[in-house]
């Protein structure tokens, strides 16, 4: 059983890697779309600040995921693995079709789906956490849109006397800062979700590691509200590594197909998205970086003229958002049932 749990921990880090790979477009699409950085330099820049988030934010989101979504009595290694598999399958499907869906909501949906498959709806902790999470499916793109549009209007007014050439040069430099801030916020919110899942797993299986020595003693975790440093380092390393490999199909959708951006627009979109996500992270709210930056890009584009936004593309993205939680939940439920059919004994690990 120890080997089984350790394998699930590694799969969780693999999900974090896929999260970074899938969501890298969130961090780099605008800075690539405005031609401030080449794709390679952009992913290197984004990955660096994904990891820097380790030293600059707390673990409120991780604690929310670890103890505020599913009843702890329901959580076991099969539930965690089923949830991860559901989220990974949905992420890969949406990556293949170039849809910027939410890895965050895929993980949340998968976790919930596996829990419900085991114990029914009583597995869900119905309350503030779920209400807030579901509400922010709608609110995060709206907040991003409002902030992106507001910043675009404000910046346009402040620089109204500047020449177009000067403003373009200025915001090419400024966009390096806004892109870094957004990448930091992306790492801060998204990596923490995987941390919460791993902690929930280890708390549920802590009896297996009570008498372990050496490296395995670090897997003995009894408090879901405390995130061990090794889990933080592992999660941030995994998401930053995934970002390095990029998700070029989604970059095209986010960087040019929703709306055309100039450096000033990229700066406003990234800054608006980053501020939204960092605020949510501060209060432990697991939001979608994909939703937020897409809303911010749409807001910036709409300030030029409504026709500047390709609403058909935006509409298909919204449908992917709507489907993510139930689709990932269904795939996770199927994964859990398949795992349960193997009759793995959670105490001994033997079939």
Protein backbone atom coordinates (compact mmCIF):
# COMPACT_ATOMS: atom_id res chain seq x y z
CA UNK A 1 0.00 0.00 0.00
CA UNK A 2 2.94 2.35 0.69
CA UNK A 3 4.05 1.97 -2.93
CA UNK A 4 0.50 2.67 -4.10
CA UNK A 5 0.28 5.94 -2.12
CA UNK A 6 3.75 7.06 -3.23
CA UNK A 7 2.73 6.39 -6.85
CA UNK A 8 -0.37 8.55 -6.42
CA UNK A 9 1.78 11.38 -5.02
CA UNK A 10 3.93 11.16 -8.15
CA UNK A 11 0.81 11.17 -10.34
CA UNK A 12 -0.36 14.30 -8.50
CA UNK A 13 2.90 16.01 -9.36
CA UNK A 14 2.45 14.76 -12.94
CA UNK A 15 -0.95 16.47 -12.97
CA UNK A 16 0.73 19.67 -11.80
CA UNK A 17 3.18 19.33 -14.68
CA UNK A 18 0.27 18.86 -17.12
CA UNK A 19 -1.44 21.84 -15.48
CA UNK A 20 1.60 23.99 -16.26
CA UNK A 21 1.83 22.55 -19.78
CA UNK A 22 -1.90 23.07 -20.41
CA UNK A 23 -2.10 26.53 -18.81
CA UNK A 24 1.19 27.95 -20.02
CA UNK A 25 -0.80 29.87 -22.61
CA UNK A 26 -2.45 31.82 -19.80
CA UNK A 27 0.91 33.28 -18.87
CA UNK A 28 2.49 33.74 -22.29
CA UNK A 29 -0.27 34.17 -24.86
CA UNK A 30 -0.48 37.94 -24.53
CA UNK A 31 3.26 38.58 -24.43
CA UNK A 32 3.76 36.28 -27.46
CA UNK A 33 0.74 37.72 -29.25
CA UNK A 34 2.13 41.25 -28.90
CA UNK A 35 5.59 40.05 -30.04
CA UNK A 36 7.32 41.34 -26.92
CA UNK A 37 9.03 37.98 -26.41
CA UNK A 38 9.58 34.94 -28.58
CA UNK A 39 7.69 31.80 -27.49
CA UNK A 40 10.80 30.19 -26.00
CA UNK A 41 11.81 33.28 -24.01
CA UNK A 42 8.19 33.74 -22.91
CA UNK A 43 7.85 30.24 -21.46
CA UNK A 44 11.22 30.57 -19.71
CA UNK A 45 10.09 33.90 -18.23
CA UNK A 46 6.72 32.47 -17.17
CA UNK A 47 8.19 29.30 -15.66
CA UNK A 48 10.62 31.33 -13.56
CA UNK A 49 7.84 33.35 -11.98
CA UNK A 50 5.62 30.28 -11.56
CA UNK A 51 8.32 29.01 -9.21
CA UNK A 52 9.01 32.37 -7.55
CA UNK A 53 5.43 32.19 -6.21
CA UNK A 54 6.74 29.62 -3.70
CA UNK A 55 8.46 32.42 -1.80
CA UNK A 56 5.78 35.10 -2.02
CA UNK A 57 2.33 33.66 -1.21
CA UNK A 58 0.82 31.54 1.53
CA UNK A 59 -1.06 28.25 1.33
CA UNK A 60 -4.68 29.33 1.85
CA UNK A 61 -5.88 27.74 -1.42
CA UNK A 62 -4.14 24.45 -0.60
CA UNK A 63 -5.90 24.33 2.77
CA UNK A 64 -9.24 25.00 1.10
CA UNK A 65 -8.79 22.12 -1.35
CA UNK A 66 -7.39 19.77 1.30
CA UNK A 67 -10.18 20.12 3.83
CA UNK A 68 -13.05 22.20 2.46
CA UNK A 69 -14.33 20.31 -0.60
CA UNK A 70 -14.82 16.62 0.29
CA UNK A 71 -15.56 14.97 3.65
CA UNK A 72 -12.27 13.72 5.03
CA UNK A 73 -13.88 10.42 6.05
CA UNK A 74 -14.59 9.71 2.37
CA UNK A 75 -11.09 10.48 1.09
CA UNK A 76 -8.86 7.51 0.41
CA UNK A 77 -6.13 6.78 -2.17
CA UNK A 78 -8.64 5.45 -4.73
CA UNK A 79 -10.71 8.64 -4.49
CA UNK A 80 -7.61 10.80 -4.95
CA UNK A 81 -6.30 8.74 -7.86
CA UNK A 82 -9.73 8.63 -9.53
CA UNK A 83 -10.00 12.41 -9.22
CA UNK A 84 -6.54 12.97 -10.67
CA UNK A 85 -7.17 10.62 -13.59
CA UNK A 86 -10.45 12.35 -14.43
CA UNK A 87 -8.76 15.76 -14.40
CA UNK A 88 -5.78 14.57 -16.46
CA UNK A 89 -7.99 12.95 -19.12
CA UNK A 90 -10.12 16.10 -19.51
CA UNK A 91 -7.03 18.33 -19.63
CA UNK A 92 -5.50 16.26 -22.40
CA UNK A 93 -8.73 16.26 -24.41
CA UNK A 94 -9.08 20.05 -24.22
CA UNK A 95 -5.37 20.53 -24.94
CA UNK A 96 -5.69 18.38 -28.06
CA UNK A 97 -8.55 20.50 -29.36
CA UNK A 98 -6.86 23.77 -28.36
CA UNK A 99 -9.54 24.78 -25.85
CA UNK A 100 -8.33 26.88 -22.88
CA UNK A 101 -10.44 25.09 -20.28
CA UNK A 102 -9.66 25.27 -16.58
CA UNK A 103 -7.22 22.78 -15.08
CA UNK A 104 -8.36 24.03 -11.69
CA UNK A 105 -11.98 23.17 -12.28
CA UNK A 106 -10.99 19.88 -13.89
CA UNK A 107 -9.20 18.95 -10.66
CA UNK A 108 -12.06 20.14 -8.47
CA UNK A 109 -14.63 18.35 -10.63
CA UNK A 110 -12.54 15.18 -10.68
CA UNK A 111 -12.07 15.21 -6.91
CA UNK A 112 -15.80 15.68 -6.36
CA UNK A 113 -16.76 13.07 -8.96
CA UNK A 114 -14.57 10.38 -7.39
CA UNK A 115 -15.90 11.23 -3.91
CA UNK A 116 -19.52 11.02 -5.08
CA UNK A 117 -18.78 7.74 -6.87
CA UNK A 118 -17.66 6.29 -3.54
CA UNK A 119 -20.18 7.70 -1.08
CA UNK A 120 -22.87 9.58 -2.99
CA UNK A 121 -23.69 13.28 -2.63
CA UNK A 122 -23.00 13.16 1.13
CA UNK A 123 -19.30 13.16 0.18
CA UNK A 124 -19.53 16.84 -0.77
CA UNK A 125 -19.09 19.48 1.92
CA UNK A 126 -21.92 21.76 0.87
CA UNK A 127 -21.14 25.22 2.14
CA UNK A 128 -19.12 28.39 1.65
CA UNK A 129 -16.21 26.75 -0.20
CA UNK A 130 -18.32 25.22 -2.94
CA UNK A 131 -20.60 28.24 -3.22
CA UNK A 132 -17.59 30.53 -3.60
CA UNK A 133 -15.83 28.19 -6.06
CA UNK A 134 -18.89 27.80 -8.28
CA UNK A 135 -19.70 31.50 -8.07
CA UNK A 136 -16.20 32.38 -9.28
CA UNK A 137 -16.72 30.33 -12.45
CA UNK A 138 -18.92 33.27 -13.43
CA UNK A 139 -17.28 36.03 -11.39
CA UNK A 140 -13.60 35.48 -12.27
CA UNK A 141 -13.95 36.20 -16.02
CA UNK A 142 -16.28 39.12 -15.26
CA UNK A 143 -13.83 40.59 -12.73
CA UNK A 144 -10.98 40.05 -15.19
CA UNK A 145 -13.03 41.71 -17.94
CA UNK A 146 -13.90 44.72 -15.80
CA UNK A 147 -10.34 45.21 -14.55
CA UNK A 148 -8.82 44.71 -18.01
CA UNK A 149 -11.24 47.18 -19.58
CA UNK A 150 -10.86 49.70 -16.74
CA UNK A 151 -7.08 49.59 -16.90
CA UNK A 152 -7.19 49.99 -20.67
CA UNK A 153 -9.39 53.09 -20.35
CA UNK A 154 -7.21 54.53 -17.57
CA UNK A 155 -3.94 53.90 -19.41
CA UNK A 156 -5.34 55.32 -22.64
CA UNK A 157 -6.29 58.51 -20.80
CA UNK A 158 -2.96 58.81 -18.94
CA UNK A 159 -0.94 58.34 -22.14
CA UNK A 160 -3.28 60.24 -24.45
CA UNK A 161 -0.58 62.79 -25.32
CA UNK A 162 2.16 60.20 -25.92
CA UNK A 163 3.06 59.25 -29.47
CA UNK A 164 2.07 55.79 -30.61
CA UNK A 165 5.70 54.82 -31.19
CA UNK A 166 6.77 55.94 -27.69
CA UNK A 167 3.82 54.20 -26.01
CA UNK A 168 4.56 51.02 -27.92
CA UNK A 169 8.19 51.01 -26.75
CA UNK A 170 7.20 51.81 -23.16
CA UNK A 171 4.60 49.06 -22.87
CA UNK A 172 6.87 46.48 -24.44
CA UNK A 173 9.06 46.95 -21.37
CA UNK A 174 6.10 47.28 -18.98
CA UNK A 175 4.60 44.08 -20.31
CA UNK A 176 7.60 42.14 -19.03
CA UNK A 177 6.53 43.18 -15.54
CA UNK A 178 2.82 42.48 -16.04
CA UNK A 179 3.58 39.08 -17.58
CA UNK A 180 5.81 38.20 -14.64
CA UNK A 181 3.08 39.25 -12.20
CA UNK A 182 0.50 37.14 -13.99
CA UNK A 183 2.83 34.11 -14.11
CA UNK A 184 3.43 34.49 -10.39
CA UNK A 185 -0.31 34.62 -9.69
CA UNK A 186 -0.85 31.59 -11.93
CA UNK A 187 1.72 29.52 -10.06
CA UNK A 188 0.42 30.76 -6.71
CA UNK A 189 -3.19 29.67 -7.23
CA UNK A 190 -2.80 26.59 -9.42
CA UNK A 191 0.11 24.83 -7.72
CA UNK A 192 -1.65 25.09 -4.38
CA UNK A 193 -4.59 23.00 -5.60
CA UNK A 194 -2.31 20.02 -6.14
CA UNK A 195 -0.72 20.60 -2.74
CA UNK A 196 -4.17 20.34 -1.14
CA UNK A 197 -4.90 17.08 -2.98
CA UNK A 198 -1.58 15.53 -1.87
CA UNK A 199 -2.09 16.58 1.75
CA UNK A 200 -5.61 15.12 1.71
CA UNK A 201 -4.17 11.84 0.41
CA UNK A 202 -1.41 11.66 3.01
CA UNK A 203 -3.72 12.52 5.91
CA UNK A 204 -6.12 9.76 4.79
CA UNK A 205 -3.26 7.23 4.67
CA UNK A 206 -1.10 8.54 7.54
CA UNK A 207 -1.28 5.26 9.50
CA UNK A 208 0.86 3.66 6.79
CA UNK A 209 3.76 6.00 7.47
CA UNK A 210 3.60 6.35 11.27
CA UNK A 211 6.55 4.01 11.80
CA UNK A 212 8.50 4.74 8.63
CA UNK A 213 12.07 6.03 8.71
CA UNK A 214 14.27 7.76 6.18
CA UNK A 215 12.65 9.62 3.32
CA UNK A 216 9.26 7.94 3.82
CA UNK A 217 8.85 9.52 7.25
CA UNK A 218 8.12 12.80 5.43
CA UNK A 219 4.92 11.21 4.12
CA UNK A 220 3.53 11.02 7.64
CA UNK A 221 1.10 13.96 7.65
CA UNK A 222 -1.62 14.27 10.28
CA UNK A 223 -2.79 17.88 9.91
CA UNK A 224 -4.56 18.90 6.70
CA UNK A 225 -4.07 22.57 7.52
CA UNK A 226 -0.27 22.38 7.42
CA UNK A 227 1.46 22.02 4.04
CA UNK A 228 4.93 20.40 4.32
CA UNK A 229 7.67 22.33 2.56
CA UNK A 230 8.63 19.37 0.32
CA UNK A 231 5.09 19.33 -1.12
CA UNK A 232 5.29 23.06 -1.85
CA UNK A 233 8.67 22.72 -3.58
CA UNK A 234 7.50 19.70 -5.56
CA UNK A 235 4.29 21.35 -6.72
CA UNK A 236 5.93 24.61 -7.80
CA UNK A 237 8.74 22.74 -9.54
CA UNK A 238 6.25 20.57 -11.42
CA UNK A 239 4.04 23.43 -12.62
CA UNK A 240 7.05 25.52 -13.65
CA UNK A 241 8.51 22.56 -15.56
CA UNK A 242 5.20 22.04 -17.35
CA UNK A 243 5.10 25.69 -18.33
CA UNK A 244 8.55 25.34 -19.89
CA UNK A 245 7.14 22.86 -22.41
CA UNK A 246 4.26 25.15 -23.31
CA UNK A 247 0.88 24.52 -24.89
CA UNK A 248 1.22 25.97 -28.36
CA UNK A 249 -2.26 25.04 -29.62
CA UNK A 250 -3.84 27.09 -26.83
CA UNK A 251 -1.36 29.94 -27.24
CA UNK A 252 -2.78 30.52 -30.71
CA UNK A 253 -6.36 30.66 -29.41
CA UNK A 254 -5.58 32.95 -26.47
CA UNK A 255 -2.98 35.16 -28.14
CA UNK A 256 -4.65 35.99 -31.43
CA UNK A 257 -7.99 34.31 -32.08
CA UNK A 258 -9.96 35.99 -29.25
CA UNK A 259 -8.74 39.50 -30.12
CA UNK A 260 -5.65 41.20 -31.54
CA UNK A 261 -3.51 42.84 -28.86
CA UNK A 262 -0.88 45.57 -28.80
CA UNK A 263 1.68 45.81 -25.95
CA UNK A 264 -0.51 48.30 -24.06
CA UNK A 265 -3.44 45.86 -24.31
CA UNK A 266 -1.28 42.96 -23.21
CA UNK A 267 -0.08 44.97 -20.21
CA UNK A 268 -3.65 45.81 -19.14
CA UNK A 269 -4.94 42.27 -19.68
CA UNK A 270 -2.12 40.66 -17.71
CA UNK A 271 -2.24 43.21 -14.88
CA UNK A 272 -6.02 42.93 -14.55
CA UNK A 273 -5.88 39.14 -14.56
CA UNK A 274 -3.01 39.03 -12.06
CA UNK A 275 -4.70 41.36 -9.58
CA UNK A 276 -7.89 39.29 -9.73
CA UNK A 277 -6.08 36.01 -9.11
CA UNK A 278 -3.81 37.31 -6.35
CA UNK A 279 -6.81 38.70 -4.47
CA UNK A 280 -8.60 35.35 -4.72
CA UNK A 281 -5.43 33.52 -3.63
CA UNK A 282 -5.14 35.75 -0.57
CA UNK A 283 -8.61 34.64 0.55
CA UNK A 284 -8.07 30.97 -0.30
CA UNK A 285 -10.43 30.91 -3.28
CA UNK A 286 -9.49 28.35 -5.97
CA UNK A 287 -10.14 30.28 -9.19
CA UNK A 288 -9.42 29.55 -12.81
CA UNK A 289 -6.49 31.47 -14.23
CA UNK A 290 -7.78 30.53 -17.68
CA UNK A 291 -11.18 32.09 -17.05
CA UNK A 292 -9.68 35.21 -15.55
CA UNK A 293 -7.13 36.02 -18.25
CA UNK A 294 -9.62 35.24 -21.02
CA UNK A 295 -12.12 37.65 -19.47
CA UNK A 296 -9.39 40.25 -19.14
CA UNK A 297 -8.36 39.87 -22.80
CA UNK A 298 -12.00 40.21 -23.88
CA UNK A 299 -12.38 43.33 -21.73
CA UNK A 300 -9.32 44.94 -23.30
CA UNK A 301 -10.49 44.07 -26.79
CA UNK A 302 -13.99 45.40 -26.16
CA UNK A 303 -12.63 48.85 -25.25
CA UNK A 304 -11.48 49.25 -28.86
CA UNK A 305 -14.81 48.16 -30.30
CA UNK A 306 -17.10 45.23 -29.66
CA UNK A 307 -16.35 43.82 -33.09
CA UNK A 308 -12.65 43.55 -32.11
CA UNK A 309 -13.56 40.48 -30.04
CA UNK A 310 -14.21 37.26 -31.92
CA UNK A 311 -17.30 36.35 -29.95
CA UNK A 312 -17.69 32.99 -31.71
CA UNK A 313 -14.31 31.84 -30.38
CA UNK A 314 -15.13 33.27 -26.94
CA UNK A 315 -18.44 31.40 -27.00
CA UNK A 316 -16.76 28.05 -27.66
CA UNK A 317 -14.38 28.75 -24.79
CA UNK A 318 -17.33 29.42 -22.46
CA UNK A 319 -18.89 26.09 -23.42
CA UNK A 320 -15.62 24.37 -22.47
CA UNK A 321 -15.81 26.14 -19.09
CA UNK A 322 -19.39 25.00 -18.49
CA UNK A 323 -18.57 21.39 -19.34
CA UNK A 324 -15.30 21.11 -17.42
CA UNK A 325 -16.53 20.28 -13.89
CA UNK A 326 -19.24 17.75 -14.90
CA UNK A 327 -17.06 16.18 -17.62
CA UNK A 328 -14.06 15.77 -15.31
CA UNK A 329 -16.38 14.51 -12.55
CA UNK A 330 -17.84 11.84 -14.86
CA UNK A 331 -14.40 10.69 -16.00
CA UNK A 332 -13.19 10.60 -12.39
CA UNK A 333 -16.22 8.59 -11.29
CA UNK A 334 -15.55 6.03 -14.03
CA UNK A 335 -11.88 5.94 -13.02
CA UNK A 336 -12.82 5.39 -9.36
CA UNK A 337 -15.21 2.56 -10.23
CA UNK A 338 -12.50 0.90 -12.32
CA UNK A 339 -10.01 1.22 -9.45
CA UNK A 340 -12.58 -0.10 -6.96
CA UNK A 341 -13.28 -3.06 -9.24
CA UNK A 342 -9.66 -4.11 -8.73
CA UNK A 343 -10.60 -4.63 -5.04
CA UNK A 344 -7.52 -2.86 -3.73
CA UNK A 345 -7.51 -3.11 0.06
CA UNK A 346 -6.77 0.40 1.33
CA UNK A 347 -5.09 -0.92 4.46
CA UNK A 348 -2.82 -3.61 3.04
CA UNK A 349 -2.58 -2.59 -0.60
CA UNK A 350 -3.12 -6.16 -1.73
CA UNK A 351 -5.78 -7.19 -4.29
